[in-house]
PDB file of N, CA and C in Angstrom:
ATOM      1  N   UNK A   1      98.545  87.737 188.469  1.00  0.00           N
ATOM      2  CA  UNK A   1      98.865  87.121 187.185  1.00  0.00           C
ATOM      3  C   UNK A   1      97.489  86.666 186.549  1.00  0.00           C
ATOM      4  N   UNK A   2      97.198  86.892 185.426  1.00  0.00           N
ATOM      5  CA  UNK A   2      96.089  86.328 184.683  1.00  0.00           C
ATOM      6  C   UNK A   2      96.222  84.753 184.582  1.00  0.00           C
ATOM      7  N   UNK A   3      95.051  84.251 184.621  1.00  0.00           N
ATOM      8  CA  UNK A   3      94.846  82.883 184.348  1.00  0.00           C
ATOM      9  C   UNK A   3      93.853  82.528 182.880  1.00  0.00           C
ATOM     10  N   UNK A   4      94.923  81.983 182.137  1.00  0.00           N
ATOM     11  CA  UNK A   4      94.243  81.805 180.762  1.00  0.00           C
ATOM     12  C   UNK A   4      93.926  80.067 180.441  1.00  0.00           C
ATOM     13  N   UNK A   5      92.869  80.063 179.954  1.00  0.00           N
ATOM     14  CA  UNK A   5      92.692  78.355 179.530  1.00  0.00           C
ATOM     15  C   UNK A   5      92.786  78.561 178.034  1.00  0.00           C
ATOM     16  N   UNK A   6      93.565  77.549 177.572  1.00  0.00           N
ATOM     17  CA  UNK A   6      93.820  77.377 176.113  1.00  0.00           C
ATOM     18  C   UNK A   6      93.203  75.938 175.623  1.00  0.00           C
ATOM     19  N   UNK A   7      92.095  75.856 175.079  1.00  0.00           N
ATOM     20  CA  UNK A   7      91.398  74.730 174.573  1.00  0.00           C
ATOM     21  C   UNK A   7      91.808  74.598 173.104  1.00  0.00           C
ATOM     22  N   UNK A   8      92.584  73.434 172.842  1.00  0.00           N
ATOM     23  CA  UNK A   8      93.462  73.450 171.601  1.00  0.00           C
ATOM     24  C   UNK A   8      93.885  71.995 171.286  1.00  0.00           C
ATOM     25  N   UNK A   9      93.582  71.163 170.326  1.00  0.00           N
ATOM     26  CA  UNK A   9      93.943  70.043 170.156  1.00  0.00           C
ATOM     27  C   UNK A   9      95.216  69.912 169.366  1.00  0.00           C
ATOM     28  N   UNK A  10      95.846  70.900 168.916  1.00  0.00           N
ATOM     29  CA  UNK A  10      97.022  70.713 168.239  1.00  0.00           C
ATOM     30  C   UNK A  10      97.891  71.351 169.195  1.00  0.00           C
ATOM     31  N   UNK A  11      98.896  70.170 169.389  1.00  0.00           N
ATOM     32  CA  UNK A  11     100.340  70.275 170.452  1.00  0.00           C
ATOM     33  C   UNK A  11     101.071  71.455 170.146  1.00  0.00           C
ATOM     34  N   UNK A  12     101.225  71.610 168.818  1.00  0.00           N
ATOM     35  CA  UNK A  12     102.068  72.739 168.362  1.00  0.00           C
ATOM     36  C   UNK A  12     101.452  74.044 168.751  1.00  0.00           C
ATOM     37  N   UNK A  13     100.305  74.173 168.299  1.00  0.00           N
ATOM     38  CA  UNK A  13      99.417  75.582 168.366  1.00  0.00           C
ATOM     39  C   UNK A  13      99.583  75.668 169.935  1.00  0.00           C
ATOM     40  N   UNK A  14      99.192  74.791 170.852  1.00  0.00           N
ATOM     41  CA  UNK A  14      98.960  74.982 172.309  1.00  0.00           C
ATOM     42  C   UNK A  14     100.234  75.171 172.811  1.00  0.00           C
ATOM     43  N   UNK A  15     101.328  74.727 172.181  1.00  0.00           N
ATOM     44  CA  UNK A  15     102.746  75.111 172.865  1.00  0.00           C
ATOM     45  C   UNK A  15     103.181  76.456 172.549  1.00  0.00           C
ATOM     46  N   UNK A  16     102.791  76.848 171.366  1.00  0.00           N
ATOM     47  CA  UNK A  16     103.174  78.102 170.968  1.00  0.00           C
ATOM     48  C   UNK A  16     102.518  79.312 171.586  1.00  0.00           C
ATOM     49  N   UNK A  17     101.151  79.089 171.708  1.00  0.00           N
ATOM     50  CA  UNK A  17     100.364  80.040 172.560  1.00  0.00           C
ATOM     51  C   UNK A  17     100.940  79.961 174.112  1.00  0.00           C
ATOM     52  N   UNK A  18     101.135  79.000 174.530  1.00  0.00           N
ATOM     53  CA  UNK A  18     101.566  78.972 176.103  1.00  0.00           C
ATOM     54  C   UNK A  18     102.695  79.584 176.177  1.00  0.00           C
ATOM     55  N   UNK A  19     103.768  79.491 175.320  1.00  0.00           N
ATOM     56  CA  UNK A  19     104.911  80.135 175.337  1.00  0.00           C
ATOM     57  C   UNK A  19     104.696  81.454 175.364  1.00  0.00           C
ATOM     58  N   UNK A  20     103.994  82.083 174.301  1.00  0.00           N
ATOM     59  CA  UNK A  20     103.805  83.414 174.239  1.00  0.00           C
ATOM     60  C   UNK A  20     103.280  84.120 175.334  1.00  0.00           C
ATOM     61  N   UNK A  21     102.038  83.324 175.835  1.00  0.00           N
ATOM     62  CA  UNK A  21     101.240  83.968 177.232  1.00  0.00           C
ATOM     63  C   UNK A  21     101.993  83.875 178.162  1.00  0.00           C
ATOM     64  N   UNK A  22     102.776  82.822 178.390  1.00  0.00           N
ATOM     65  CA  UNK A  22     103.855  82.842 179.464  1.00  0.00           C
ATOM     66  C   UNK A  22     104.783  84.003 179.669  1.00  0.00           C
ATOM     67  N   UNK A  23     105.196  84.381 178.404  1.00  0.00           N
ATOM     68  CA  UNK A  23     106.331  85.273 178.316  1.00  0.00           C
ATOM     69  C   UNK A  23     105.783  86.764 178.711  1.00  0.00           C
ATOM     70  N   UNK A  24     104.177  86.754 178.418  1.00  0.00           N
ATOM     71  CA  UNK A  24     103.763  87.946 178.975  1.00  0.00           C
ATOM     72  C   UNK A  24     103.189  87.964 180.531  1.00  0.00           C
ATOM     73  N   UNK A  25     103.596  86.798 181.306  1.00  0.00           N
ATOM     74  CA  UNK A  25     103.304  86.747 182.599  1.00  0.00           C
ATOM     75  C   UNK A  25     102.194  85.886 183.060  1.00  0.00           C
ATOM     76  N   UNK A  26     101.482  85.231 182.089  1.00  0.00           N
ATOM     77  CA  UNK A  26     100.258  84.782 182.186  1.00  0.00           C
ATOM     78  C   UNK A  26     100.406  83.303 183.036  1.00  0.00           C
ATOM     79  N   UNK A  27      99.620  82.752 183.597  1.00  0.00           N
ATOM     80  CA  UNK A  27      99.381  81.245 183.940  1.00  0.00           C
ATOM     81  C   UNK A  27      98.676  80.617 183.215  1.00  0.00           C
ATOM     82  N   UNK A  28      98.846  79.617 182.625  1.00  0.00           N
ATOM     83  CA  UNK A  28      98.247  78.565 181.377  1.00  0.00           C
ATOM     84  C   UNK A  28      97.590  77.339 181.930  1.00  0.00           C
ATOM     85  N   UNK A  29      96.787  76.912 181.350  1.00  0.00           N
ATOM     86  CA  UNK A  29      96.112  75.714 181.642  1.00  0.00           C
ATOM     87  C   UNK A  29      95.754  75.355 180.217  1.00  0.00           C
ATOM     88  N   UNK A  30      96.107  74.023 179.711  1.00  0.00           N
ATOM     89  CA  UNK A  30      95.824  73.755 178.483  1.00  0.00           C
ATOM     90  C   UNK A  30      94.994  72.418 178.395  1.00  0.00           C
ATOM     91  N   UNK A  31      94.053  72.267 177.413  1.00  0.00           N
ATOM     92  CA  UNK A  31      93.404  70.990 177.344  1.00  0.00           C
ATOM     93  C   UNK A  31      93.180  70.761 175.702  1.00  0.00           C
ATOM     94  N   UNK A  32      93.020  69.547 175.488  1.00  0.00           N
ATOM     95  CA  UNK A  32      93.156  69.381 173.880  1.00  0.00           C
ATOM     96  C   UNK A  32      91.743  69.049 173.503  1.00  0.00           C
ATOM     97  N   UNK A  33      90.551  68.877 174.428  1.00  0.00           N
ATOM     98  CA  UNK A  33      89.146  68.602 173.964  1.00  0.00           C
ATOM     99  C   UNK A  33      88.314  69.644 174.542  1.00  0.00           C
ATOM    100  N   UNK A  34      87.088  69.819 173.874  1.00  0.00           N
ATOM    101  CA  UNK A  34      86.064  70.954 174.517  1.00  0.00           C
ATOM    102  C   UNK A  34      85.650  70.242 175.800  1.00  0.00           C
ATOM    103  N   UNK A  35      85.451  69.089 175.873  1.00  0.00           N
ATOM    104  CA  UNK A  35      85.011  68.230 177.104  1.00  0.00           C
ATOM    105  C   UNK A  35      85.824  68.583 178.323  1.00  0.00           C
ATOM    106  N   UNK A  36      87.264  68.386 178.010  1.00  0.00           N
ATOM    107  CA  UNK A  36      88.072  68.321 179.095  1.00  0.00           C
ATOM    108  C   UNK A  36      88.136  70.088 179.555  1.00  0.00           C
ATOM    109  N   UNK A  37      87.856  70.978 178.345  1.00  0.00           N
ATOM    110  CA  UNK A  37      87.948  72.419 178.793  1.00  0.00           C
ATOM    111  C   UNK A  37      86.546  72.810 179.521  1.00  0.00           C
ATOM    112  N   UNK A  38      85.613  72.264 179.238  1.00  0.00           N
ATOM    113  CA  UNK A  38      84.317  72.541 180.112  1.00  0.00           C
ATOM    114  C   UNK A  38      84.509  72.147 181.479  1.00  0.00           C
ATOM    115  N   UNK A  39      85.049  71.232 181.569  1.00  0.00           N
ATOM    116  CA  UNK A  39      85.414  70.761 182.956  1.00  0.00           C
ATOM    117  C   UNK A  39      86.258  71.715 183.736  1.00  0.00           C
ATOM    118  N   UNK A  40      87.101  71.866 183.276  1.00  0.00           N
ATOM    119  CA  UNK A  40      88.173  72.941 183.856  1.00  0.00           C
ATOM    120  C   UNK A  40      87.365  74.388 183.996  1.00  0.00           C
ATOM    121  N   UNK A  41      86.533  75.073 182.996  1.00  0.00           N
ATOM    122  CA  UNK A  41      85.914  75.984 183.238  1.00  0.00           C
ATOM    123  C   UNK A  41      84.899  75.586 184.498  1.00  0.00           C
ATOM    124  N   UNK A  42      84.527  74.537 184.666  1.00  0.00           N
ATOM    125  CA  UNK A  42      83.656  74.592 185.675  1.00  0.00           C
ATOM    126  C   UNK A  42      83.949  74.471 187.082  1.00  0.00           C
ATOM    127  N   UNK A  43      85.500  74.026 187.114  1.00  0.00           N
ATOM    128  CA  UNK A  43      85.831  73.597 188.312  1.00  0.00           C
ATOM    129  C   UNK A  43      87.127  74.614 188.767  1.00  0.00           C
ATOM    130  N   UNK A  44      87.318  75.431 187.737  1.00  0.00           N
ATOM    131  CA  UNK A  44      88.552  76.488 187.974  1.00  0.00           C
ATOM    132  C   UNK A  44      88.096  77.766 187.809  1.00  0.00           C
ATOM    133  N   UNK A  45      88.836  78.792 188.180  1.00  0.00           N
ATOM    134  CA  UNK A  45      88.636  80.108 187.732  1.00  0.00           C
ATOM    135  C   UNK A  45      89.709  80.596 186.494  1.00  0.00           C
ATOM    136  N   UNK A  46      89.162  81.351 185.700  1.00  0.00           N
ATOM    137  CA  UNK A  46      89.823  81.830 184.665  1.00  0.00           C
ATOM    138  C   UNK A  46      89.765  83.124 184.177  1.00  0.00           C
ATOM    139  N   UNK A  47      90.735  83.915 183.729  1.00  0.00           N
ATOM    140  CA  UNK A  47      90.293  85.347 183.499  1.00  0.00           C
ATOM    141  C   UNK A  47      89.981  85.444 181.865  1.00  0.00           C
ATOM    142  N   UNK A  48      90.356  84.269 181.198  1.00  0.00           N
ATOM    143  CA  UNK A  48      90.358  84.382 179.721  1.00  0.00           C
ATOM    144  C   UNK A  48      90.258  83.090 179.165  1.00  0.00           C
ATOM    145  N   UNK A  49      89.294  82.560 178.266  1.00  0.00           N
ATOM    146  CA  UNK A  49      89.314  81.397 177.352  1.00  0.00           C
ATOM    147  C   UNK A  49      89.795  81.599 175.895  1.00  0.00           C
ATOM    148  N   UNK A  50      90.997  80.774 175.281  1.00  0.00           N
ATOM    149  CA  UNK A  50      91.098  80.857 173.754  1.00  0.00           C
ATOM    150  C   UNK A  50      90.737  79.448 173.340  1.00  0.00           C
ATOM    151  N   UNK A  51      89.733  79.417 172.665  1.00  0.00           N
ATOM    152  CA  UNK A  51      88.972  78.212 172.289  1.00  0.00           C
ATOM    153  C   UNK A  51      89.145  77.853 170.697  1.00  0.00           C
ATOM    154  N   UNK A  52      89.757  76.936 170.191  1.00  0.00           N
ATOM    155  CA  UNK A  52      89.868  76.458 169.045  1.00  0.00           C
ATOM    156  C   UNK A  52      88.338  76.031 168.484  1.00  0.00           C
ATOM    157  N   UNK A  53      88.248  76.210 167.298  1.00  0.00           N
ATOM    158  CA  UNK A  53      86.754  76.078 166.652  1.00  0.00           C
ATOM    159  C   UNK A  53      86.605  74.555 166.066  1.00  0.00           C
ATOM    160  N   UNK A  54      87.848  73.977 166.022  1.00  0.00           N
ATOM    161  CA  UNK A  54      87.729  72.649 165.337  1.00  0.00           C
ATOM    162  C   UNK A  54      88.186  71.837 166.113  1.00  0.00           C
ATOM    163  N   UNK A  55      87.609  71.172 167.363  1.00  0.00           N
ATOM    164  CA  UNK A  55      88.159  70.462 168.124  1.00  0.00           C
ATOM    165  C   UNK A  55      87.507  68.961 167.850  1.00  0.00           C
ATOM    166  N   UNK A  56      88.307  67.980 168.316  1.00  0.00           N
ATOM    167  CA  UNK A  56      87.977  66.604 168.363  1.00  0.00           C
ATOM    168  C   UNK A  56      86.364  66.174 168.520  1.00  0.00           C
ATOM    169  N   UNK A  57      85.964  66.465 169.794  1.00  0.00           N
ATOM    170  CA  UNK A  57      84.909  66.099 170.449  1.00  0.00           C
ATOM    171  C   UNK A  57      83.655  66.781 170.030  1.00  0.00           C
ATOM    172  N   UNK A  58      83.820  67.953 169.760  1.00  0.00           N
ATOM    173  CA  UNK A  58      82.638  68.879 169.586  1.00  0.00           C
ATOM    174  C   UNK A  58      83.502  70.491 169.043  1.00  0.00           C
ATOM    175  N   UNK A  59      82.581  71.146 168.107  1.00  0.00           N
ATOM    176  CA  UNK A  59      83.541  72.444 167.988  1.00  0.00           C
ATOM    177  C   UNK A  59      83.205  73.492 168.809  1.00  0.00           C
ATOM    178  N   UNK A  60      83.916  74.324 168.814  1.00  0.00           N
ATOM    179  CA  UNK A  60      84.346  75.373 169.616  1.00  0.00           C
ATOM    180  C   UNK A  60      83.045  76.325 169.910  1.00  0.00           C
ATOM    181  N   UNK A  61      82.306  76.324 168.876  1.00  0.00           N
ATOM    182  CA  UNK A  61      81.087  77.181 168.805  1.00  0.00           C
ATOM    183  C   UNK A  61      80.261  76.700 169.791  1.00  0.00           C
ATOM    184  N   UNK A  62      79.865  75.056 169.772  1.00  0.00           N
ATOM    185  CA  UNK A  62      79.068  74.499 170.502  1.00  0.00           C
ATOM    186  C   UNK A  62      79.544  74.337 172.060  1.00  0.00           C
ATOM    187  N   UNK A  63      80.746  74.263 172.231  1.00  0.00           N
ATOM    188  CA  UNK A  63      81.463  74.420 173.424  1.00  0.00           C
ATOM    189  C   UNK A  63      81.135  75.647 174.029  1.00  0.00           C
ATOM    190  N   UNK A  64      81.215  76.798 173.614  1.00  0.00           N
ATOM    191  CA  UNK A  64      80.791  78.185 174.006  1.00  0.00           C
ATOM    192  C   UNK A  64      79.429  78.477 174.324  1.00  0.00           C
ATOM    193  N   UNK A  65      78.681  77.789 173.710  1.00  0.00           N
ATOM    194  CA  UNK A  65      77.200  77.807 173.995  1.00  0.00           C
ATOM    195  C   UNK A  65      76.847  76.912 175.214  1.00  0.00           C
ATOM    196  N   UNK A  66      77.726  75.857 175.413  1.00  0.00           N
ATOM    197  CA  UNK A  66      77.540  75.226 176.645  1.00  0.00           C
ATOM    198  C   UNK A  66      78.047  75.799 177.815  1.00  0.00           C
ATOM    199  N   UNK A  67      79.056  76.539 177.492  1.00  0.00           N
ATOM    200  CA  UNK A  67      80.065  77.241 178.652  1.00  0.00           C
ATOM    201  C   UNK A  67      79.261  78.541 179.287  1.00  0.00           C
ATOM    202  N   UNK A  68      78.477  79.182 178.113  1.00  0.00           N
ATOM    203  CA  UNK A  68      77.762  80.236 178.672  1.00  0.00           C
ATOM    204  C   UNK A  68      76.500  79.806 179.579  1.00  0.00           C
ATOM    205  N   UNK A  69      76.148  78.569 179.871  1.00  0.00           N
ATOM    206  CA  UNK A  69      75.236  78.308 180.843  1.00  0.00           C
ATOM    207  C   UNK A  69      75.738  78.489 182.191  1.00  0.00           C
ATOM    208  N   UNK A  70      77.074  78.563 182.259  1.00  0.00           N
ATOM    209  CA  UNK A  70      77.612  78.579 183.569  1.00  0.00           C
ATOM    210  C   UNK A  70      78.721  79.514 183.923  1.00  0.00           C
ATOM    211  N   UNK A  71      79.373  80.302 182.983  1.00  0.00           N
ATOM    212  CA  UNK A  71      80.226  81.241 182.980  1.00  0.00           C
ATOM    213  C   UNK A  71      80.158  82.333 182.201  1.00  0.00           C
ATOM    214  N   UNK A  72      80.702  83.414 182.719  1.00  0.00           N
ATOM    215  CA  UNK A  72      80.864  84.586 181.935  1.00  0.00           C
ATOM    216  C   UNK A  72      82.103  85.025 181.266  1.00  0.00           C
ATOM    217  N   UNK A  73      83.047  84.345 181.798  1.00  0.00           N
ATOM    218  CA  UNK A  73      84.707  84.413 181.360  1.00  0.00           C
ATOM    219  C   UNK A  73      84.659  84.892 179.902  1.00  0.00           C
ATOM    220  N   UNK A  74      85.228  85.681 179.505  1.00  0.00           N
ATOM    221  CA  UNK A  74      85.704  86.100 178.118  1.00  0.00           C
ATOM    222  C   UNK A  74      86.028  84.823 177.278  1.00  0.00           C
ATOM    223  N   UNK A  75      85.461  84.493 175.896  1.00  0.00           N
ATOM    224  CA  UNK A  75      86.052  83.348 175.249  1.00  0.00           C
ATOM    225  C   UNK A  75      86.294  83.947 173.778  1.00  0.00           C
ATOM    226  N   UNK A  76      87.445  83.762 173.478  1.00  0.00           N
ATOM    227  CA  UNK A  76      88.076  84.243 172.113  1.00  0.00           C
ATOM    228  C   UNK A  76      88.252  82.977 171.052  1.00  0.00           C
ATOM    229  N   UNK A  77      87.508  82.703 170.140  1.00  0.00           N
ATOM    230  CA  UNK A  77      87.473  81.552 169.259  1.00  0.00           C
ATOM    231  C   UNK A  77      88.825  81.992 168.492  1.00  0.00           C
ATOM    232  N   UNK A  78      89.617  80.690 168.221  1.00  0.00           N
ATOM    233  CA  UNK A  78      90.738  80.800 167.282  1.00  0.00           C
ATOM    234  C   UNK A  78      90.454  79.571 166.063  1.00  0.00           C
ATOM    235  N   UNK A  79      90.669  80.083 164.988  1.00  0.00           N
ATOM    236  CA  UNK A  79      90.418  79.052 163.760  1.00  0.00           C
ATOM    237  C   UNK A  79      91.386  79.746 162.829  1.00  0.00           C
ATOM    238  N   UNK A  80      91.743  78.736 161.873  1.00  0.00           N
ATOM    239  CA  UNK A  80      92.771  78.972 160.725  1.00  0.00           C
ATOM    240  C   UNK A  80      92.051  79.913 159.583  1.00  0.00           C
ATOM    241  N   UNK A  81      90.987  79.414 159.397  1.00  0.00           N
ATOM    242  CA  UNK A  81      90.215  80.307 158.414  1.00  0.00           C
ATOM    243  C   UNK A  81      88.948  80.987 158.931  1.00  0.00           C
ATOM    244  N   UNK A  82      88.637  82.208 158.858  1.00  0.00           N
ATOM    245  CA  UNK A  82      87.544  82.939 159.670  1.00  0.00           C
ATOM    246  C   UNK A  82      86.734  83.355 158.431  1.00  0.00           C
ATOM    247  N   UNK A  83      85.461  82.990 158.404  1.00  0.00           N
ATOM    248  CA  UNK A  83      84.606  83.497 157.494  1.00  0.00           C
ATOM    249  C   UNK A  83      83.937  84.467 158.137  1.00  0.00           C
ATOM    250  N   UNK A  84      82.883  85.454 157.623  1.00  0.00           N
ATOM    251  CA  UNK A  84      82.052  86.297 158.416  1.00  0.00           C
ATOM    252  C   UNK A  84      80.949  85.429 158.903  1.00  0.00           C
ATOM    253  N   UNK A  85      80.460  84.508 158.021  1.00  0.00           N
ATOM    254  CA  UNK A  85      79.304  83.444 158.612  1.00  0.00           C
ATOM    255  C   UNK A  85      79.757  82.881 159.716  1.00  0.00           C
ATOM    256  N   UNK A  86      81.101  82.314 159.849  1.00  0.00           N
ATOM    257  CA  UNK A  86      81.602  81.629 161.026  1.00  0.00           C
ATOM    258  C   UNK A  86      81.671  82.440 162.213  1.00  0.00           C
ATOM    259  N   UNK A  87      82.169  83.746 161.838  1.00  0.00           N
ATOM    260  CA  UNK A  87      82.516  84.748 163.149  1.00  0.00           C
ATOM    261  C   UNK A  87      80.981  84.969 163.569  1.00  0.00           C
ATOM    262  N   UNK A  88      79.937  85.396 162.597  1.00  0.00           N
ATOM    263  CA  UNK A  88      78.687  85.631 163.426  1.00  0.00           C
ATOM    264  C   UNK A  88      78.018  84.431 164.007  1.00  0.00           C
ATOM    265  N   UNK A  89      78.150  82.962 163.942  1.00  0.00           N
ATOM    266  CA  UNK A  89      78.019  81.916 164.704  1.00  0.00           C
ATOM    267  C   UNK A  89      78.754  81.994 165.691  1.00  0.00           C
ATOM    268  N   UNK A  90      79.890  82.285 165.990  1.00  0.00           N
ATOM    269  CA  UNK A  90      80.477  82.359 167.073  1.00  0.00           C
ATOM    270  C   UNK A  90      80.156  83.300 168.127  1.00  0.00           C
ATOM    271  N   UNK A  91      80.106  84.530 167.607  1.00  0.00           N
ATOM    272  CA  UNK A  91      79.481  85.817 168.403  1.00  0.00           C
ATOM    273  C   UNK A  91      77.995  85.446 168.923  1.00  0.00           C
ATOM    274  N   UNK A  92      77.335  84.791 167.989  1.00  0.00           N
ATOM    275  CA  UNK A  92      75.773  84.461 168.465  1.00  0.00           C
ATOM    276  C   UNK A  92      75.827  83.388 169.693  1.00  0.00           C
ATOM    277  N   UNK A  93      76.906  82.415 169.665  1.00  0.00           N
ATOM    278  CA  UNK A  93      76.989  81.509 170.310  1.00  0.00           C
ATOM    279  C   UNK A  93      77.595  81.915 171.816  1.00  0.00           C
ATOM    280  N   UNK A  94      78.424  83.050 171.944  1.00  0.00           N
ATOM    281  CA  UNK A  94      78.668  83.724 173.269  1.00  0.00           C
ATOM    282  C   UNK A  94      80.060  84.118 173.134  1.00  0.00           C
ATOM    283  N   UNK A  95      80.832  83.675 172.216  1.00  0.00           N
ATOM    284  CA  UNK A  95      82.217  84.125 172.110  1.00  0.00           C
ATOM    285  C   UNK A  95      82.330  85.637 171.932  1.00  0.00           C
ATOM    286  N   UNK A  96      83.181  86.176 172.575  1.00  0.00           N
ATOM    287  CA  UNK A  96      83.579  87.764 172.594  1.00  0.00           C
ATOM    288  C   UNK A  96      84.200  88.169 171.608  1.00  0.00           C
ATOM    289  N   UNK A  97      85.004  87.483 170.776  1.00  0.00           N
ATOM    290  CA  UNK A  97      85.707  87.814 169.695  1.00  0.00           C
ATOM    291  C   UNK A  97      86.254  86.452 169.116  1.00  0.00           C
ATOM    292  N   UNK A  98      86.594  86.559 167.852  1.00  0.00           N
ATOM    293  CA  UNK A  98      87.130  85.386 167.174  1.00  0.00           C
ATOM    294  C   UNK A  98      88.505  85.953 166.158  1.00  0.00           C
ATOM    295  N   UNK A  99      89.341  85.323 166.255  1.00  0.00           N
ATOM    296  CA  UNK A  99      90.807  85.631 165.677  1.00  0.00           C
ATOM    297  C   UNK A  99      91.241  84.321 164.666  1.00  0.00           C
ATOM    298  N   UNK A 100      92.077  84.927 163.834  1.00  0.00           N
ATOM    299  CA  UNK A 100      92.934  84.146 162.873  1.00  0.00           C
ATOM    300  C   UNK A 100      94.127  83.414 163.940  1.00  0.00           C
ATOM    301  N   UNK A 101      94.353  82.175 163.569  1.00  0.00           N
ATOM    302  CA  UNK A 101      95.087  81.427 164.682  1.00  0.00           C
ATOM    303  C   UNK A 101      96.710  81.988 164.557  1.00  0.00           C
ATOM    304  N   UNK A 102      97.172  82.486 163.649  1.00  0.00           N
ATOM    305  CA  UNK A 102      98.374  83.252 163.513  1.00  0.00           C
ATOM    306  C   UNK A 102      98.722  84.355 164.296  1.00  0.00           C
ATOM    307  N   UNK A 103      98.473  84.248 165.589  1.00  0.00           N
ATOM    308  CA  UNK A 103      98.684  85.236 166.554  1.00  0.00           C
ATOM    309  C   UNK A 103     100.070  85.462 167.120  1.00  0.00           C
ATOM    310  N   UNK A 104     100.776  86.630 166.980  1.00  0.00           N
ATOM    311  CA  UNK A 104     101.766  87.025 167.393  1.00  0.00           C
ATOM    312  C   UNK A 104     101.855  87.230 168.798  1.00  0.00           C
ATOM    313  N   UNK A 105     102.835  87.539 169.477  1.00  0.00           N
ATOM    314  CA  UNK A 105     102.856  87.957 170.827  1.00  0.00           C
ATOM    315  C   UNK A 105     102.006  89.498 171.087  1.00  0.00           C
ATOM    316  N   UNK A 106     102.217  90.333 170.307  1.00  0.00           N
ATOM    317  CA  UNK A 106     101.734  91.571 170.471  1.00  0.00           C
ATOM    318  C   UNK A 106     100.201  91.237 170.296  1.00  0.00           C
ATOM    319  N   UNK A 107      99.510  90.705 169.299  1.00  0.00           N
ATOM    320  CA  UNK A 107      98.228  90.424 169.201  1.00  0.00           C
ATOM    321  C   UNK A 107      97.627  89.615 170.310  1.00  0.00           C
ATOM    322  N   UNK A 108      98.281  88.821 171.152  1.00  0.00           N
ATOM    323  CA  UNK A 108      97.851  88.392 172.582  1.00  0.00           C
ATOM    324  C   UNK A 108      97.738  89.376 173.612  1.00  0.00           C
ATOM    325  N   UNK A 109      99.025  90.005 173.628  1.00  0.00           N
ATOM    326  CA  UNK A 109      98.988  91.306 174.420  1.00  0.00           C
ATOM    327  C   UNK A 109      97.469  92.117 174.153  1.00  0.00           C
ATOM    328  N   UNK A 110      97.266  92.253 173.073  1.00  0.00           N
ATOM    329  CA  UNK A 110      95.988  93.194 172.682  1.00  0.00           C
ATOM    330  C   UNK A 110      94.782  92.681 173.503  1.00  0.00           C
ATOM    331  N   UNK A 111      94.715  91.281 173.062  1.00  0.00           N
ATOM    332  CA  UNK A 111      93.502  90.410 173.303  1.00  0.00           C
ATOM    333  C   UNK A 111      93.574  90.438 175.147  1.00  0.00           C
ATOM    334  N   UNK A 112      94.366  90.177 175.663  1.00  0.00           N
ATOM    335  CA  UNK A 112      94.813  90.626 177.089  1.00  0.00           C
ATOM    336  C   UNK A 112      94.243  91.843 177.638  1.00  0.00           C
ATOM    337  N   UNK A 113      94.618  92.989 177.026  1.00  0.00           N
ATOM    338  CA  UNK A 113      94.405  94.261 177.213  1.00  0.00           C
ATOM    339  C   UNK A 113      92.737  94.593 177.207  1.00  0.00           C
ATOM    340  N   UNK A 114      92.164  93.844 176.212  1.00  0.00           N
ATOM    341  CA  UNK A 114      90.890  93.699 175.704  1.00  0.00           C
ATOM    342  C   UNK A 114      89.837  93.296 176.895  1.00  0.00           C
ATOM    343  N   UNK A 115      90.312  91.984 177.052  1.00  0.00           N
ATOM    344  CA  UNK A 115      89.413  91.223 177.944  1.00  0.00           C
ATOM    345  C   UNK A 115      89.879  90.852 179.326  1.00  0.00           C
ATOM    346  N   UNK A 116      91.022  91.195 179.585  1.00  0.00           N
ATOM    347  CA  UNK A 116      91.448  90.742 181.199  1.00  0.00           C
ATOM    348  C   UNK A 116      91.152  92.109 181.827  1.00  0.00           C
ATOM    349  N   UNK A 117      90.602  91.857 183.075  1.00  0.00           N
ATOM    350  CA  UNK A 117      90.307  93.062 183.910  1.00  0.00           C
ATOM    351  C   UNK A 117      91.334  93.950 184.167  1.00  0.00           C
ATOM    352  N   UNK A 118      91.450  95.199 184.167  1.00  0.00           N
ATOM    353  CA  UNK A 118      92.647  96.079 184.694  1.00  0.00           C
ATOM    354  C   UNK A 118      92.729  95.981 186.208  1.00  0.00           C
ATOM    355  N   UNK A 119      93.673  95.135 186.584  1.00  0.00           N
ATOM    356  CA  UNK A 119      93.731  94.903 188.160  1.00  0.00           C
ATOM    357  C   UNK A 119      95.154  94.680 188.515  1.00  0.00           C
ATOM    358  N   UNK A 120      95.661  95.644 189.221  1.00  0.00           N
ATOM    359  CA  UNK A 120      97.027  95.384 189.787  1.00  0.00           C
ATOM    360  C   UNK A 120      97.440  94.259 189.912  1.00  0.00           C
ATOM    361  N   UNK A 121      96.624  93.212 190.547  1.00  0.00           N
ATOM    362  CA  UNK A 121      97.259  91.732 190.625  1.00  0.00           C
ATOM    363  C   UNK A 121      97.352  90.926 189.340  1.00  0.00           C
ATOM    364  N   UNK A 122      96.768  91.431 188.499  1.00  0.00           N
ATOM    365  CA  UNK A 122      97.225  90.777 187.089  1.00  0.00           C
ATOM    366  C   UNK A 122      97.972  91.511 186.272  1.00  0.00           C
ATOM    367  N   UNK A 123      99.092  90.946 186.232  1.00  0.00           N
ATOM    368  CA  UNK A 123     100.190  91.903 185.599  1.00  0.00           C
ATOM    369  C   UNK A 123     100.532  91.458 184.233  1.00  0.00           C
ATOM    370  N   UNK A 124      99.939  90.238 183.661  1.00  0.00           N
ATOM    371  CA  UNK A 124     100.454  89.617 182.413  1.00  0.00           C
ATOM    372  C   UNK A 124     100.272  90.688 180.975  1.00  0.00           C
ATOM    373  N   UNK A 125      99.423  91.668 181.157  1.00  0.00           N
ATOM    374  CA  UNK A 125      99.305  92.549 179.815  1.00  0.00           C
ATOM    375  C   UNK A 125     100.268  93.777 180.262  1.00  0.00           C
ATOM    376  N   UNK A 126     100.902  93.833 181.242  1.00  0.00           N
ATOM    377  CA  UNK A 126     101.740  94.852 181.618  1.00  0.00           C
ATOM    378  C   UNK A 126     103.361  94.642 181.510  1.00  0.00           C
ATOM    379  N   UNK A 127     103.317  93.342 181.036  1.00  0.00           N
ATOM    380  CA  UNK A 127     104.850  92.602 181.000  1.00  0.00           C
ATOM    381  C   UNK A 127     105.699  93.540 179.844  1.00  0.00           C
TER     382      UNK A 127
END
C-alpha cells in the first residue's frame, strides 16, 4: 500500500484528494501547512507528496526546496492556476511535476503509476 502525504490547507480539497486516493488503496496523511508537512516528511516514510503551492505559512515551492535537503520522495505540486513560469519555478525547486487541482481519480492513478515504485507490496495503482 502506497503512503501519500497531502500538504493542503483547503479542508475540502484535502478531503476530496484523500477520498480519491483511498479508493485507489493508498494510505493518506494530510497536513494543512508546509511546516507540518516538512515535519511529517522528516519523521515518516512516504512514497509520494502532493503539495499545494499556496499554503498559509510558506509557498509549496519554498517548502519543496527545503524538503530536497533531506528527501528524494517525489513531490507533485498542486495549484488552481498553473502558469509556465510557475511550473518552471516549481521544477527548479525540486518538484517532480505540477498539476492543476481539478484532479480526477484517473489523473491521480496516472500520477501514482508515474511516481510510485512498481512494487508488488504497493497496490494502490493496481486497484
